[in-house]
Amino acid sequence: MKRIMIISVYLLICMTGIAQNVRVETIFRKFKQMRHASYVVTPKHLLKSQFNESSRPQEIYMMNETDTVKELNLNQCSPRMRQDFVKATAHFEEDGYQVEVSEREGMDISQVLFYEKAGSITSILVLNIGKETCSLIQFLGKFSHRDLNYLIHDGY
């Protein structure tokens, strides 16, 4: 009986870990198909090729820690589509993401969120929503809070 309980708890933990990025993946999958949407996935080897000896050390370190960058841009989509995007991106906190920065300027909202697992940040989301702007960028990899602060204050 104990063995069944332990296996059940283990499976529940595994399923919860897998489900953390389900909402993000669903958003990418749904909205990249839309008319006038642009979706770009940049793998690690392309990220590394963008840096040389003149790059700042923190930039090089950050890109070495990044596995993939995904960007979804809906700026050219219809207002209705952007409204659907706003609704879809409203509940990242329910999936375990924590808000690091949230700024509002008029109708424009910018947020940086992160998902932490086992002491390291595995996903960073940059969300920009406004009257004319609608984008989501996801950095996947193994990051520290120092990397997150660099990204927000000094980086991209």
C-alpha atoms as a PDB file:
ATOM      1  CA  MET A   1       0.000   0.000   0.000  1.00  0.00           C
ATOM      2  CA  LYS A   2       2.839   2.383   0.841  1.00  0.00           C
ATOM      3  CA  ARG A   3       4.454   1.635  -2.509  1.00  0.00           C
ATOM      4  CA  ILE A   4       1.244   2.575  -4.362  1.00  0.00           C
ATOM      5  CA  MET A   5       0.963   5.829  -2.375  1.00  0.00           C
ATOM      6  CA  ILE A   6       4.594   6.736  -3.087  1.00  0.00           C
ATOM      7  CA  ILE A   7       4.185   6.002  -6.793  1.00  0.00           C
ATOM      8  CA  SER A   8       0.963   8.043  -6.881  1.00  0.00           C
ATOM      9  CA  VAL A   9       2.640  11.021  -5.229  1.00  0.00           C
ATOM     10  CA  TYR A  10       5.620  10.734  -7.576  1.00  0.00           C
ATOM     11  CA  LEU A  11       3.347  10.661 -10.645  1.00  0.00           C
ATOM     12  CA  LEU A  12       1.405  13.656  -9.363  1.00  0.00           C
ATOM     13  CA  ILE A  13       4.638  15.622  -8.904  1.00  0.00           C
ATOM     14  CA  CYS A  14       5.834  14.667 -12.395  1.00  0.00           C
ATOM     15  CA  MET A  15       2.524  15.606 -13.985  1.00  0.00           C
ATOM     16  CA  THR A  16       2.499  18.947 -12.153  1.00  0.00           C
ATOM     17  CA  GLY A  17       6.005  19.715 -13.403  1.00  0.00           C
ATOM     18  CA  ILE A  18       5.055  18.913 -16.983  1.00  0.00           C
ATOM     19  CA  ALA A  19       1.848  20.946 -16.750  1.00  0.00           C
ATOM     20  CA  GLN A  20       3.657  24.128 -15.680  1.00  0.00           C
ATOM     21  CA  ASN A  21       4.421  25.213 -19.240  1.00  0.00           C
ATOM     22  CA  VAL A  22       1.260  23.824 -20.813  1.00  0.00           C
ATOM     23  CA  ARG A  23      -0.475  27.219 -20.888  1.00  0.00           C
ATOM     24  CA  VAL A  24       2.563  28.881 -22.478  1.00  0.00           C
ATOM     25  CA  GLU A  25       2.938  26.130 -25.099  1.00  0.00           C
ATOM     26  CA  THR A  26      -0.792  26.243 -25.835  1.00  0.00           C
ATOM     27  CA  ILE A  27      -0.612  30.005 -26.392  1.00  0.00           C
ATOM     28  CA  PHE A  28       2.323  29.648 -28.767  1.00  0.00           C
ATOM     29  CA  ARG A  29       0.665  26.780 -30.635  1.00  0.00           C
ATOM     30  CA  LYS A  30      -2.715  28.535 -30.943  1.00  0.00           C
ATOM     31  CA  PHE A  31      -1.620  32.042 -31.867  1.00  0.00           C
ATOM     32  CA  LYS A  32       1.302  31.235 -34.192  1.00  0.00           C
ATOM     33  CA  GLN A  33      -1.289  29.804 -36.603  1.00  0.00           C
ATOM     34  CA  MET A  34      -3.196  33.086 -36.822  1.00  0.00           C
ATOM     35  CA  ARG A  35      -3.150  35.327 -39.834  1.00  0.00           C
ATOM     36  CA  HIS A  36      -0.435  38.026 -39.686  1.00  0.00           C
ATOM     37  CA  ALA A  37       1.183  36.466 -36.611  1.00  0.00           C
ATOM     38  CA  SER A  38       4.932  35.973 -36.567  1.00  0.00           C
ATOM     39  CA  TYR A  39       6.585  33.220 -34.567  1.00  0.00           C
ATOM     40  CA  VAL A  40      10.329  32.656 -34.302  1.00  0.00           C
ATOM     41  CA  VAL A  41      12.231  29.955 -32.439  1.00  0.00           C
ATOM     42  CA  THR A  42      15.953  30.565 -32.018  1.00  0.00           C
ATOM     43  CA  PRO A  43      17.934  27.496 -30.906  1.00  0.00           C
ATOM     44  CA  LYS A  44      21.081  27.599 -28.789  1.00  0.00           C
ATOM     45  CA  HIS A  45      23.619  27.261 -31.627  1.00  0.00           C
ATOM     46  CA  LEU A  46      22.200  30.326 -33.411  1.00  0.00           C
ATOM     47  CA  LEU A  47      22.206  32.328 -30.181  1.00  0.00           C
ATOM     48  CA  LYS A  48      25.873  31.514 -29.605  1.00  0.00           C
ATOM     49  CA  SER A  49      26.823  32.545 -33.131  1.00  0.00           C
ATOM     50  CA  GLN A  50      25.629  36.105 -32.470  1.00  0.00           C
ATOM     51  CA  PHE A  51      28.338  36.839 -29.908  1.00  0.00           C
ATOM     52  CA  ASN A  52      32.055  37.454 -30.350  1.00  0.00           C
ATOM     53  CA  GLU A  53      35.046  38.618 -28.306  1.00  0.00           C
ATOM     54  CA  SER A  54      33.692  42.186 -28.107  1.00  0.00           C
ATOM     55  CA  SER A  55      30.467  41.021 -26.433  1.00  0.00           C
ATOM     56  CA  ARG A  56      30.042  41.685 -22.741  1.00  0.00           C
ATOM     57  CA  PRO A  57      30.875  38.687 -20.514  1.00  0.00           C
ATOM     58  CA  GLN A  58      27.388  38.659 -18.972  1.00  0.00           C
ATOM     59  CA  GLU A  59      25.806  38.485 -22.440  1.00  0.00           C
ATOM     60  CA  ILE A  60      27.960  35.509 -23.360  1.00  0.00           C
ATOM     61  CA  TYR A  61      27.200  33.784 -20.046  1.00  0.00           C
ATOM     62  CA  MET A  62      23.461  34.431 -20.440  1.00  0.00           C
ATOM     63  CA  MET A  63      23.404  32.967 -23.944  1.00  0.00           C
ATOM     64  CA  ASN A  64      25.370  29.915 -22.794  1.00  0.00           C
ATOM     65  CA  GLU A  65      22.647  29.304 -20.208  1.00  0.00           C
ATOM     66  CA  THR A  66      19.839  29.773 -22.770  1.00  0.00           C
ATOM     67  CA  ASP A  67      18.622  26.691 -24.625  1.00  0.00           C
ATOM     68  CA  THR A  68      15.924  28.304 -26.766  1.00  0.00           C
ATOM     69  CA  VAL A  69      14.242  31.657 -27.296  1.00  0.00           C
ATOM     70  CA  LYS A  70      10.684  31.750 -28.652  1.00  0.00           C
ATOM     71  CA  GLU A  71       8.978  34.926 -29.817  1.00  0.00           C
ATOM     72  CA  LEU A  72       5.355  35.385 -30.777  1.00  0.00           C
ATOM     73  CA  ASN A  73       4.396  38.747 -32.265  1.00  0.00           C
ATOM     74  CA  LEU A  74       0.767  39.660 -32.945  1.00  0.00           C
ATOM     75  CA  ASN A  75       1.234  43.375 -33.698  1.00  0.00           C
ATOM     76  CA  GLN A  76      -0.232  43.019 -37.205  1.00  0.00           C
ATOM     77  CA  CYS A  77      -3.195  40.883 -36.125  1.00  0.00           C
ATOM     78  CA  SER A  78      -6.760  42.088 -35.741  1.00  0.00           C
ATOM     79  CA  PRO A  79      -7.874  43.815 -32.519  1.00  0.00           C
ATOM     80  CA  ARG A  80     -10.116  40.834 -31.790  1.00  0.00           C
ATOM     81  CA  MET A  81      -7.167  38.443 -32.026  1.00  0.00           C
ATOM     82  CA  ARG A  82      -5.073  40.647 -29.736  1.00  0.00           C
ATOM     83  CA  GLN A  83      -7.977  40.723 -27.256  1.00  0.00           C
ATOM     84  CA  ASP A  84      -8.067  36.903 -27.261  1.00  0.00           C
ATOM     85  CA  PHE A  85      -4.303  36.928 -26.617  1.00  0.00           C
ATOM     86  CA  VAL A  86      -4.761  39.253 -23.633  1.00  0.00           C
ATOM     87  CA  LYS A  87      -7.329  36.868 -22.132  1.00  0.00           C
ATOM     88  CA  ALA A  88      -5.109  33.839 -22.776  1.00  0.00           C
ATOM     89  CA  THR A  89      -2.071  35.416 -21.088  1.00  0.00           C
ATOM     90  CA  ALA A  90      -3.883  36.688 -18.000  1.00  0.00           C
ATOM     91  CA  HIS A  91      -3.248  33.712 -15.698  1.00  0.00           C
ATOM     92  CA  PHE A  92       0.423  32.699 -15.832  1.00  0.00           C
ATOM     93  CA  GLU A  93       0.622  32.961 -12.035  1.00  0.00           C
ATOM     94  CA  GLU A  94      -1.761  30.007 -11.746  1.00  0.00           C
ATOM     95  CA  ASP A  95       0.842  27.893 -13.573  1.00  0.00           C
ATOM     96  CA  GLY A  96       3.578  28.683 -11.071  1.00  0.00           C
ATOM     97  CA  TYR A  97       5.083  31.726 -12.802  1.00  0.00           C
ATOM     98  CA  GLN A  98       6.097  34.589 -10.544  1.00  0.00           C
ATOM     99  CA  VAL A  99       5.965  38.225 -11.618  1.00  0.00           C
ATOM    100  CA  GLU A 100       9.364  39.895 -11.370  1.00  0.00           C
ATOM    101  CA  VAL A 101       8.437  43.203 -13.031  1.00  0.00           C
ATOM    102  CA  SER A 102       5.074  44.614 -14.032  1.00  0.00           C
ATOM    103  CA  GLU A 103       4.750  48.078 -15.502  1.00  0.00           C
ATOM    104  CA  ARG A 104       1.729  49.872 -16.836  1.00  0.00           C
ATOM    105  CA  GLU A 105       1.901  53.027 -18.901  1.00  0.00           C
ATOM    106  CA  GLY A 106      -1.490  54.124 -20.166  1.00  0.00           C
ATOM    107  CA  MET A 107      -2.907  51.186 -22.109  1.00  0.00           C
ATOM    108  CA  ASP A 108       0.462  49.402 -22.375  1.00  0.00           C
ATOM    109  CA  ILE A 109       1.410  46.618 -19.988  1.00  0.00           C
ATOM    110  CA  SER A 110       4.839  44.984 -19.764  1.00  0.00           C
ATOM    111  CA  GLN A 111       5.614  42.038 -17.527  1.00  0.00           C
ATOM    112  CA  VAL A 112       8.591  39.819 -16.856  1.00  0.00           C
ATOM    113  CA  LEU A 113       7.675  36.514 -15.238  1.00  0.00           C
ATOM    114  CA  PHE A 114       9.771  33.510 -14.304  1.00  0.00           C
ATOM    115  CA  TYR A 115       9.254  29.873 -13.418  1.00  0.00           C
ATOM    116  CA  GLU A 116      11.605  28.410 -10.835  1.00  0.00           C
ATOM    117  CA  LYS A 117      12.209  24.705 -10.390  1.00  0.00           C
ATOM    118  CA  ALA A 118      14.693  23.061  -8.035  1.00  0.00           C
ATOM    119  CA  GLY A 119      16.419  26.346  -7.197  1.00  0.00           C
ATOM    120  CA  SER A 120      17.005  27.560 -10.740  1.00  0.00           C
ATOM    121  CA  ILE A 121      14.867  29.516 -13.159  1.00  0.00           C
ATOM    122  CA  THR A 122      13.903  27.342 -16.132  1.00  0.00           C
ATOM    123  CA  SER A 123      11.658  29.756 -18.023  1.00  0.00           C
ATOM    124  CA  ILE A 124      11.520  33.543 -18.345  1.00  0.00           C
ATOM    125  CA  LEU A 125       8.541  35.207 -20.032  1.00  0.00           C
ATOM    126  CA  VAL A 126       8.496  38.764 -21.364  1.00  0.00           C
ATOM    127  CA  LEU A 127       4.941  39.876 -22.098  1.00  0.00           C
ATOM    128  CA  ASN A 128       4.083  43.157 -23.841  1.00  0.00           C
ATOM    129  CA  ILE A 129       0.455  44.113 -24.389  1.00  0.00           C
ATOM    130  CA  GLY A 130      -0.895  47.418 -25.621  1.00  0.00           C
ATOM    131  CA  LYS A 131      -3.193  49.039 -28.128  1.00  0.00           C
ATOM    132  CA  GLU A 132      -0.728  48.409 -30.964  1.00  0.00           C
ATOM    133  CA  THR A 133       1.641  45.922 -29.307  1.00  0.00           C
ATOM    134  CA  CYS A 134       1.105  42.277 -28.508  1.00  0.00           C
ATOM    135  CA  SER A 135       4.073  39.955 -27.984  1.00  0.00           C
ATOM    136  CA  LEU A 136       5.338  37.103 -25.852  1.00  0.00           C
ATOM    137  CA  ILE A 137       8.980  36.078 -25.583  1.00  0.00           C
ATOM    138  CA  GLN A 138      10.099  32.966 -23.718  1.00  0.00           C
ATOM    139  CA  PHE A 139      13.668  32.180 -22.701  1.00  0.00           C
ATOM    140  CA  LEU A 140      14.183  28.504 -21.834  1.00  0.00           C
ATOM    141  CA  GLY A 141      17.304  27.314 -20.058  1.00  0.00           C
ATOM    142  CA  LYS A 142      18.847  27.250 -16.615  1.00  0.00           C
ATOM    143  CA  PHE A 143      19.116  30.749 -15.168  1.00  0.00           C
ATOM    144  CA  SER A 144      19.863  32.381 -11.845  1.00  0.00           C
ATOM    145  CA  HIS A 145      18.195  35.417 -10.323  1.00  0.00           C
ATOM    146  CA  ARG A 146      21.317  37.355 -11.329  1.00  0.00           C
ATOM    147  CA  ASP A 147      20.637  36.433 -14.968  1.00  0.00           C
ATOM    148  CA  LEU A 148      17.048  37.591 -14.593  1.00  0.00           C
ATOM    149  CA  ASN A 149      18.158  40.936 -13.162  1.00  0.00           C
ATOM    150  CA  TYR A 150      20.649  41.326 -16.002  1.00  0.00           C
ATOM    151  CA  LEU A 151      17.942  40.634 -18.561  1.00  0.00           C
ATOM    152  CA  ILE A 152      15.631  43.228 -17.005  1.00  0.00           C
ATOM    153  CA  HIS A 153      18.091  46.032 -16.241  1.00  0.00           C
ATOM    154  CA  ASP A 154      21.045  45.699 -18.615  1.00  0.00           C
ATOM    155  CA  GLY A 155      20.096  43.267 -21.323  1.00  0.00           C
ATOM    156  CA  TYR A 156      17.622  43.060 -24.088  1.00  0.00           C
END
